[in-house]
Every structure is written in C-alpha cells, then in structure tokens.
Amino acid sequence: MLDLFLDSADLAEVEPLLATGLFAGVTTNPTLLARAGVGSDRLPAVVERMRAAGARTLFVQTWGATTEDLLRNAREIRDRCGDVGIKIPVTPAGIAATRALADGGVVTLVTAVYNHVQVLPAVAAGATFVAPYVGRMTDNGRDGVGEVLTMQRILDAVGSSTRLLVASLRSPADVARLAAGGVDCFTIAPAMWEQLLDEPLTTEAVRVFEDDVARTRAPHAGHR
C-alpha cells in the first residue's frame, strides 16, 4: 500500500491537500516549523488544525544531546500535542531513545538517515519508520536513490516491519524509481504533488475533452 505524507508545517499549503483524503499525514521538523513561523506556543494548535483537516499521523521532532533529554522532550511534545509520532535523529542517544519509545507503544521515525548501514540500528531499536534524505545524499555526491533501494533490500531481507518514509525528494522521477523498487512510503513538499500530476499530453487530452463537451452541449441552431 502506498502512503504519502506532506513535508510541511505551513497550514495554508497543507490543509487543502489533507482535505482531499489522499495523504496519510504530515511530517515536520524544527526547520520546517521555523520556516512556517510556528513557535513552541503555537505547535499544539497547528497540530490540531492538521488533524481536523484529515491528517491521521503527524510527526514532531524531539531534541537533546542525551537519551534522557530526547525522551523528556518527546514526553513534553506528546503531553502538549496528543498522540503524535516522534522523530528522532539517528545518533547513539537517538537510537536508545527510539527503543524506549517503541517499547512504550509510540510511533517513531528515525530521521536524518544518509547511509544504508544506519538502517540496522534503527531496526534493532524497533523504529516504526526510517527517513532517508534522498536529495541531500545526491547533493553530496552519493547515489541517493541507489542508497535508499539498498535500505529497502535490507529491510526485506531481515523481514523487518520497519518502513522507509523517504524524505528530501527533489523529482517525481526519483519517487517513481523508488516505488518501482518496492518503497511504499514518501513525504513530499506540497509543490511536488502538482509535479507528480504534471504531464503535457494529459493537459492536451483534457483540453480536447472539454472542447468536445462544449460542442455537444451547445444549443442547436435555430433552437428557441
């Protein structure tokens, strides 16, 4: 089953798309929240509006240098925002925090993953999702798509229930290549949704359809 998330904290962008019922939820991070002007005081209200618009799962990122810090801040996030998933960076402290949260039944997303080897500790920690950053890998001279496909093969080979939730997607072609390789969960910027549907031949076909409908619905000559 294909699951699409929106990677944004901008309500003006997110709410209309969530209302379509096509998206499983929303992923955020501190950078996206800052870009949308969402401070800590506004976060619970923004999360509630996204839920009301149709988001089934929302992810908010915890922070801190130690496992204890990460867990304490994750508890604070959930106390204020309800049953949200927690994003956790793939660091030693983050992996330990992921294990503790997973044991408590919290949906977790291990984030900032750049190397297929990093999938292994995330799986051992019981992560619900792992977020590899395809575009940023490619920006740094790596084969981002190839790296993510290797991650998917690892998950398949060990029979893990952990899923990839692929982020930092720059082109519809990358989404299609990853889907063809078995990846079934993506978080995309709202602007990419239109790119996934953008095809000049389709646009022309729709224009012809509309013109033909207009002709067939035109009043007959001499009709009063």
C-alpha atoms as a PDB file:
ATOM      1  CA  MET A   1       0.000   0.000   0.000  1.00  0.00           C
ATOM      2  CA  LEU A   2       1.307   3.438  -0.924  1.00  0.00           C
ATOM      3  CA  ASP A   3       1.333   6.090   1.811  1.00  0.00           C
ATOM      4  CA  LEU A   4       2.027   9.742   1.067  1.00  0.00           C
ATOM      5  CA  PHE A   5       2.828  12.345   3.720  1.00  0.00           C
ATOM      6  CA  LEU A   6       3.206  16.097   3.379  1.00  0.00           C
ATOM      7  CA  ASP A   7       6.536  17.517   4.484  1.00  0.00           C
ATOM      8  CA  SER A   8       5.499  20.970   5.634  1.00  0.00           C
ATOM      9  CA  ALA A   9       4.300  22.981   8.623  1.00  0.00           C
ATOM     10  CA  ASP A  10       2.571  25.645   6.520  1.00  0.00           C
ATOM     11  CA  LEU A  11      -1.165  25.360   7.160  1.00  0.00           C
ATOM     12  CA  ALA A  12      -2.051  27.272   4.007  1.00  0.00           C
ATOM     13  CA  GLU A  13      -0.262  24.620   1.949  1.00  0.00           C
ATOM     14  CA  VAL A  14      -1.167  21.577   3.999  1.00  0.00           C
ATOM     15  CA  GLU A  15      -4.839  21.936   4.878  1.00  0.00           C
ATOM     16  CA  PRO A  16      -6.273  21.924   1.303  1.00  0.00           C
ATOM     17  CA  LEU A  17      -4.236  18.848   0.400  1.00  0.00           C
ATOM     18  CA  LEU A  18      -5.177  16.972   3.573  1.00  0.00           C
ATOM     19  CA  ALA A  19      -8.828  17.700   2.799  1.00  0.00           C
ATOM     20  CA  THR A  20      -8.524  15.556  -0.361  1.00  0.00           C
ATOM     21  CA  GLY A  21      -8.119  12.438   1.794  1.00  0.00           C
ATOM     22  CA  LEU A  22      -5.118  11.366  -0.272  1.00  0.00           C
ATOM     23  CA  PHE A  23      -2.455  11.901   2.382  1.00  0.00           C
ATOM     24  CA  ALA A  24      -1.731   9.788   5.449  1.00  0.00           C
ATOM     25  CA  GLY A  25      -0.430  12.714   7.457  1.00  0.00           C
ATOM     26  CA  VAL A  26       2.259  15.320   7.926  1.00  0.00           C
ATOM     27  CA  THR A  27       5.939  15.270   8.790  1.00  0.00           C
ATOM     28  CA  THR A  28       7.558  18.297  10.403  1.00  0.00           C
ATOM     29  CA  ASN A  29      10.977  19.149  11.759  1.00  0.00           C
ATOM     30  CA  PRO A  30      12.430  22.190  13.543  1.00  0.00           C
ATOM     31  CA  THR A  31      13.492  23.758  10.242  1.00  0.00           C
ATOM     32  CA  LEU A  32      10.033  23.440   8.689  1.00  0.00           C
ATOM     33  CA  LEU A  33       8.376  24.785  11.834  1.00  0.00           C
ATOM     34  CA  ALA A  34      10.724  27.783  11.926  1.00  0.00           C
ATOM     35  CA  ARG A  35      10.176  28.454   8.215  1.00  0.00           C
ATOM     36  CA  ALA A  36       6.392  28.467   8.777  1.00  0.00           C
ATOM     37  CA  GLY A  37       6.721  30.713  11.834  1.00  0.00           C
ATOM     38  CA  VAL A  38       5.372  28.044  14.183  1.00  0.00           C
ATOM     39  CA  GLY A  39       6.870  28.542  17.622  1.00  0.00           C
ATOM     40  CA  SER A  40       6.512  26.166  20.545  1.00  0.00           C
ATOM     41  CA  ASP A  41       3.482  28.069  21.820  1.00  0.00           C
ATOM     42  CA  ARG A  42       1.600  27.587  18.524  1.00  0.00           C
ATOM     43  CA  LEU A  43       2.536  23.963  17.904  1.00  0.00           C
ATOM     44  CA  PRO A  44      -0.445  22.290  19.651  1.00  0.00           C
ATOM     45  CA  ALA A  45      -2.923  24.472  17.758  1.00  0.00           C
ATOM     46  CA  VAL A  46      -1.216  23.765  14.424  1.00  0.00           C
ATOM     47  CA  VAL A  47      -1.243  20.033  15.115  1.00  0.00           C
ATOM     48  CA  GLU A  48      -4.943  20.187  15.986  1.00  0.00           C
ATOM     49  CA  ARG A  49      -5.776  22.007  12.765  1.00  0.00           C
ATOM     50  CA  MET A  50      -3.872  19.422  10.727  1.00  0.00           C
ATOM     51  CA  ARG A  51      -5.799  16.643  12.474  1.00  0.00           C
ATOM     52  CA  ALA A  52      -9.072  18.412  11.779  1.00  0.00           C
ATOM     53  CA  ALA A  53      -8.088  18.715   8.106  1.00  0.00           C
ATOM     54  CA  GLY A  54      -7.607  14.943   7.849  1.00  0.00           C
ATOM     55  CA  ALA A  55      -4.072  14.037   8.985  1.00  0.00           C
ATOM     56  CA  ARG A  56      -4.123  10.573  10.532  1.00  0.00           C
ATOM     57  CA  THR A  57      -0.480  10.616  11.623  1.00  0.00           C
ATOM     58  CA  LEU A  58       1.667  13.637  12.462  1.00  0.00           C
ATOM     59  CA  PHE A  59       5.354  13.642  13.282  1.00  0.00           C
ATOM     60  CA  VAL A  60       7.092  16.168  15.544  1.00  0.00           C
ATOM     61  CA  GLN A  61      10.839  16.014  16.189  1.00  0.00           C
ATOM     62  CA  THR A  62      12.306  15.750  19.661  1.00  0.00           C
ATOM     63  CA  TRP A  63      15.676  17.257  20.556  1.00  0.00           C
ATOM     64  CA  GLY A  64      18.519  16.933  23.025  1.00  0.00           C
ATOM     65  CA  ALA A  65      22.091  15.728  23.359  1.00  0.00           C
ATOM     66  CA  THR A  66      21.346  12.740  25.596  1.00  0.00           C
ATOM     67  CA  THR A  67      18.835   9.928  25.588  1.00  0.00           C
ATOM     68  CA  GLU A  68      17.244  11.395  28.704  1.00  0.00           C
ATOM     69  CA  ASP A  69      16.879  14.797  27.030  1.00  0.00           C
ATOM     70  CA  LEU A  70      15.330  13.254  23.942  1.00  0.00           C
ATOM     71  CA  LEU A  71      12.842  11.244  25.978  1.00  0.00           C
ATOM     72  CA  ARG A  72      11.934  14.146  28.241  1.00  0.00           C
ATOM     73  CA  ASN A  73      11.264  16.426  25.293  1.00  0.00           C
ATOM     74  CA  ALA A  74       9.327  13.684  23.489  1.00  0.00           C
ATOM     75  CA  ARG A  75       7.076  13.332  26.534  1.00  0.00           C
ATOM     76  CA  GLU A  76       6.551  17.089  26.601  1.00  0.00           C
ATOM     77  CA  ILE A  77       5.619  17.111  22.905  1.00  0.00           C
ATOM     78  CA  ARG A  78       3.060  14.358  23.400  1.00  0.00           C
ATOM     79  CA  ASP A  79       1.684  15.937  26.573  1.00  0.00           C
ATOM     80  CA  ARG A  80       1.029  19.147  24.636  1.00  0.00           C
ATOM     81  CA  CYS A  81       0.118  17.761  21.209  1.00  0.00           C
ATOM     82  CA  GLY A  82      -1.515  14.432  21.947  1.00  0.00           C
ATOM     83  CA  ASP A  83      -0.776  11.176  20.158  1.00  0.00           C
ATOM     84  CA  VAL A  84       1.803  12.364  17.632  1.00  0.00           C
ATOM     85  CA  GLY A  85       4.651  10.309  16.225  1.00  0.00           C
ATOM     86  CA  ILE A  86       8.112  11.270  17.379  1.00  0.00           C
ATOM     87  CA  LYS A  87      11.006  11.950  15.015  1.00  0.00           C
ATOM     88  CA  ILE A  88      14.436  11.136  16.409  1.00  0.00           C
ATOM     89  CA  PRO A  89      17.848  11.725  14.795  1.00  0.00           C
ATOM     90  CA  VAL A  90      19.872   8.612  14.075  1.00  0.00           C
ATOM     91  CA  THR A  91      22.514   9.137  16.766  1.00  0.00           C
ATOM     92  CA  PRO A  92      23.562   6.760  19.572  1.00  0.00           C
ATOM     93  CA  ALA A  93      21.369   8.707  22.001  1.00  0.00           C
ATOM     94  CA  GLY A  94      18.573   8.808  19.449  1.00  0.00           C
ATOM     95  CA  ILE A  95      18.620   5.076  18.819  1.00  0.00           C
ATOM     96  CA  ALA A  96      18.447   4.369  22.560  1.00  0.00           C
ATOM     97  CA  ALA A  97      15.531   6.803  22.857  1.00  0.00           C
ATOM     98  CA  THR A  98      13.824   5.116  19.910  1.00  0.00           C
ATOM     99  CA  ARG A  99      13.994   1.777  21.711  1.00  0.00           C
ATOM    100  CA  ALA A 100      12.436   3.246  24.847  1.00  0.00           C
ATOM    101  CA  LEU A 101       9.668   4.998  22.918  1.00  0.00           C
ATOM    102  CA  ALA A 102       8.941   1.924  20.807  1.00  0.00           C
ATOM    103  CA  ASP A 103       8.679  -0.183  23.968  1.00  0.00           C
ATOM    104  CA  GLY A 104       6.081   2.324  25.179  1.00  0.00           C
ATOM    105  CA  GLY A 105       4.000   1.955  22.021  1.00  0.00           C
ATOM    106  CA  VAL A 106       4.935   5.312  20.493  1.00  0.00           C
ATOM    107  CA  VAL A 107       5.137   5.597  16.699  1.00  0.00           C
ATOM    108  CA  THR A 108       8.727   6.569  15.897  1.00  0.00           C
ATOM    109  CA  LEU A 109      10.515   7.949  12.850  1.00  0.00           C
ATOM    110  CA  VAL A 110      14.312   7.751  12.858  1.00  0.00           C
ATOM    111  CA  THR A 111      15.414  10.699  10.767  1.00  0.00           C
ATOM    112  CA  ALA A 112      18.450  12.229   9.024  1.00  0.00           C
ATOM    113  CA  VAL A 113      19.479   8.851   7.613  1.00  0.00           C
ATOM    114  CA  TYR A 114      22.168   9.046   4.915  1.00  0.00           C
ATOM    115  CA  ASN A 115      23.720   5.586   4.820  1.00  0.00           C
ATOM    116  CA  HIS A 116      22.149   2.153   4.348  1.00  0.00           C
ATOM    117  CA  VAL A 117      24.132   0.843   7.329  1.00  0.00           C
ATOM    118  CA  GLN A 118      22.177   3.201   9.605  1.00  0.00           C
ATOM    119  CA  VAL A 119      19.029   1.199   8.913  1.00  0.00           C
ATOM    120  CA  LEU A 120      20.339  -1.682  11.014  1.00  0.00           C
ATOM    121  CA  PRO A 121      20.423   0.058  14.422  1.00  0.00           C
ATOM    122  CA  ALA A 122      17.038   1.627  13.641  1.00  0.00           C
ATOM    123  CA  VAL A 123      15.592  -1.828  13.034  1.00  0.00           C
ATOM    124  CA  ALA A 124      17.173  -3.145  16.225  1.00  0.00           C
ATOM    125  CA  ALA A 125      15.570  -0.243  18.100  1.00  0.00           C
ATOM    126  CA  GLY A 126      12.115  -1.141  16.785  1.00  0.00           C
ATOM    127  CA  ALA A 127      11.636   2.065  14.793  1.00  0.00           C
ATOM    128  CA  THR A 128       8.290   2.311  13.037  1.00  0.00           C
ATOM    129  CA  PHE A 129       9.780   4.320  10.175  1.00  0.00           C
ATOM    130  CA  VAL A 130      13.197   5.397   8.901  1.00  0.00           C
ATOM    131  CA  ALA A 131      13.578   8.647   6.943  1.00  0.00           C
ATOM    132  CA  PRO A 132      16.414   8.671   4.393  1.00  0.00           C
ATOM    133  CA  TYR A 133      17.166  12.035   2.762  1.00  0.00           C
ATOM    134  CA  VAL A 134      17.465  11.249  -0.933  1.00  0.00           C
ATOM    135  CA  GLY A 135      18.102  14.726  -2.310  1.00  0.00           C
ATOM    136  CA  ARG A 136      20.698  15.616   0.267  1.00  0.00           C
ATOM    137  CA  MET A 137      22.574  12.379  -0.414  1.00  0.00           C
ATOM    138  CA  THR A 138      22.637  13.229  -4.106  1.00  0.00           C
ATOM    139  CA  ASP A 139      23.741  16.803  -3.339  1.00  0.00           C
ATOM    140  CA  ASN A 140      26.749  15.329  -1.551  1.00  0.00           C
ATOM    141  CA  GLY A 141      27.835  13.172  -4.460  1.00  0.00           C
ATOM    142  CA  ARG A 142      26.127   9.953  -3.425  1.00  0.00           C
ATOM    143  CA  ASP A 143      23.639   7.856  -5.357  1.00  0.00           C
ATOM    144  CA  GLY A 144      20.642   8.801  -3.217  1.00  0.00           C
ATOM    145  CA  VAL A 145      18.137   6.595  -4.999  1.00  0.00           C
ATOM    146  CA  GLY A 146      20.521   3.642  -5.058  1.00  0.00           C
ATOM    147  CA  GLU A 147      21.269   4.036  -1.356  1.00  0.00           C
ATOM    148  CA  VAL A 148      17.567   4.007  -0.482  1.00  0.00           C
ATOM    149  CA  LEU A 149      16.930   0.952  -2.651  1.00  0.00           C
ATOM    150  CA  THR A 150      19.692  -0.829  -0.728  1.00  0.00           C
ATOM    151  CA  MET A 151      17.947   0.149   2.519  1.00  0.00           C
ATOM    152  CA  GLN A 152      14.718  -1.372   1.221  1.00  0.00           C
ATOM    153  CA  ARG A 153      16.507  -4.609   0.296  1.00  0.00           C
ATOM    154  CA  ILE A 154      17.950  -4.797   3.810  1.00  0.00           C
ATOM    155  CA  LEU A 155      14.519  -4.389   5.391  1.00  0.00           C
ATOM    156  CA  ASP A 156      13.067  -7.035   3.087  1.00  0.00           C
ATOM    157  CA  ALA A 157      15.949  -9.421   3.701  1.00  0.00           C
ATOM    158  CA  VAL A 158      15.675  -9.328   7.503  1.00  0.00           C
ATOM    159  CA  GLY A 159      11.878  -9.401   7.471  1.00  0.00           C
ATOM    160  CA  SER A 160      11.601  -6.152   9.403  1.00  0.00           C
ATOM    161  CA  SER A 161       8.319  -4.332   9.968  1.00  0.00           C
ATOM    162  CA  THR A 162      10.221  -1.017   9.920  1.00  0.00           C
ATOM    163  CA  ARG A 163       9.266   1.005   6.857  1.00  0.00           C
ATOM    164  CA  LEU A 164      11.137   3.619   4.889  1.00  0.00           C
ATOM    165  CA  LEU A 165       9.463   7.033   4.846  1.00  0.00           C
ATOM    166  CA  VAL A 166      11.575   8.684   2.186  1.00  0.00           C
ATOM    167  CA  ALA A 167      12.228  12.421   2.500  1.00  0.00           C
ATOM    168  CA  SER A 168      14.152  15.184   0.698  1.00  0.00           C
ATOM    169  CA  LEU A 169      12.644  14.219  -2.642  1.00  0.00           C
ATOM    170  CA  ARG A 170      13.550  16.549  -5.495  1.00  0.00           C
ATOM    171  CA  SER A 171      11.876  14.989  -8.527  1.00  0.00           C
ATOM    172  CA  PRO A 172       8.852  12.833  -9.422  1.00  0.00           C
ATOM    173  CA  ALA A 173      11.225  10.554 -11.329  1.00  0.00           C
ATOM    174  CA  ASP A 174      13.008   9.671  -8.082  1.00  0.00           C
ATOM    175  CA  VAL A 175       9.677   8.840  -6.442  1.00  0.00           C
ATOM    176  CA  ALA A 176       8.756   6.557  -9.342  1.00  0.00           C
ATOM    177  CA  ARG A 177      12.136   4.779  -9.344  1.00  0.00           C
ATOM    178  CA  LEU A 178      11.912   4.156  -5.619  1.00  0.00           C
ATOM    179  CA  ALA A 179       8.340   2.900  -5.855  1.00  0.00           C
ATOM    180  CA  ALA A 180       9.377   0.521  -8.638  1.00  0.00           C
ATOM    181  CA  GLY A 181      11.999  -0.823  -6.228  1.00  0.00           C
ATOM    182  CA  GLY A 182       9.461  -1.594  -3.514  1.00  0.00           C
ATOM    183  CA  VAL A 183       9.482   1.615  -1.454  1.00  0.00           C
ATOM    184  CA  ASP A 184       5.909   2.474  -0.491  1.00  0.00           C
ATOM    185  CA  CYS A 185       6.009   5.493   1.818  1.00  0.00           C
ATOM    186  CA  PHE A 186       7.084   9.035   0.907  1.00  0.00           C
ATOM    187  CA  THR A 187       6.901  12.501   2.408  1.00  0.00           C
ATOM    188  CA  ILE A 188       6.810  15.246  -0.170  1.00  0.00           C
ATOM    189  CA  ALA A 189       6.749  19.014  -0.277  1.00  0.00           C
ATOM    190  CA  PRO A 190       3.279  20.271  -1.248  1.00  0.00           C
ATOM    191  CA  ALA A 191       4.650  21.657  -4.524  1.00  0.00           C
ATOM    192  CA  MET A 192       5.701  18.168  -5.620  1.00  0.00           C
ATOM    193  CA  TRP A 193       2.104  16.948  -5.583  1.00  0.00           C
ATOM    194  CA  GLU A 194       1.378  19.005  -8.704  1.00  0.00           C
ATOM    195  CA  GLN A 195       4.632  17.824 -10.272  1.00  0.00           C
ATOM    196  CA  LEU A 196       3.535  14.198  -9.862  1.00  0.00           C
ATOM    197  CA  LEU A 197       0.449  15.021 -11.947  1.00  0.00           C
ATOM    198  CA  ASP A 198       2.135  17.300 -14.481  1.00  0.00           C
ATOM    199  CA  GLU A 199       2.088  15.752 -17.967  1.00  0.00           C
ATOM    200  CA  PRO A 200       1.659  17.920 -21.116  1.00  0.00           C
ATOM    201  CA  LEU A 201      -0.053  15.110 -23.045  1.00  0.00           C
ATOM    202  CA  THR A 202      -2.623  14.771 -20.272  1.00  0.00           C
ATOM    203  CA  THR A 203      -3.179  18.534 -20.250  1.00  0.00           C
ATOM    204  CA  GLU A 204      -3.789  18.479 -24.005  1.00  0.00           C
ATOM    205  CA  ALA A 205      -6.130  15.481 -23.771  1.00  0.00           C
ATOM    206  CA  VAL A 206      -8.192  17.214 -21.094  1.00  0.00           C
ATOM    207  CA  ARG A 207      -8.392  20.350 -23.253  1.00  0.00           C
ATOM    208  CA  VAL A 208      -9.736  18.287 -26.158  1.00  0.00           C
ATOM    209  CA  PHE A 209     -12.253  16.563 -23.890  1.00  0.00           C
ATOM    210  CA  GLU A 210     -13.510  19.895 -22.592  1.00  0.00           C
ATOM    211  CA  ASP A 211     -13.784  21.344 -26.106  1.00  0.00           C
ATOM    212  CA  ASP A 212     -15.765  18.310 -27.275  1.00  0.00           C
ATOM    213  CA  VAL A 213     -18.106  18.514 -24.310  1.00  0.00           C
ATOM    214  CA  ALA A 214     -18.695  22.193 -25.031  1.00  0.00           C
ATOM    215  CA  ARG A 215     -19.599  21.403 -28.658  1.00  0.00           C
ATOM    216  CA  THR A 216     -22.009  18.614 -27.784  1.00  0.00           C
ATOM    217  CA  ARG A 217     -23.743  20.792 -25.188  1.00  0.00           C
ATOM    218  CA  ALA A 218     -24.080  23.828 -27.451  1.00  0.00           C
ATOM    219  CA  PRO A 219     -27.701  24.729 -28.338  1.00  0.00           C
ATOM    220  CA  HIS A 220     -28.839  23.576 -31.783  1.00  0.00           C
ATOM    221  CA  ALA A 221     -29.024  26.227 -34.467  1.00  0.00           C
ATOM    222  CA  GLY A 222     -32.486  27.721 -34.596  1.00  0.00           C
ATOM    223  CA  HIS A 223     -33.487  26.322 -31.186  1.00  0.00           C
ATOM    224  CA  ARG A 224     -35.625  28.694 -29.137  1.00  0.00           C
END
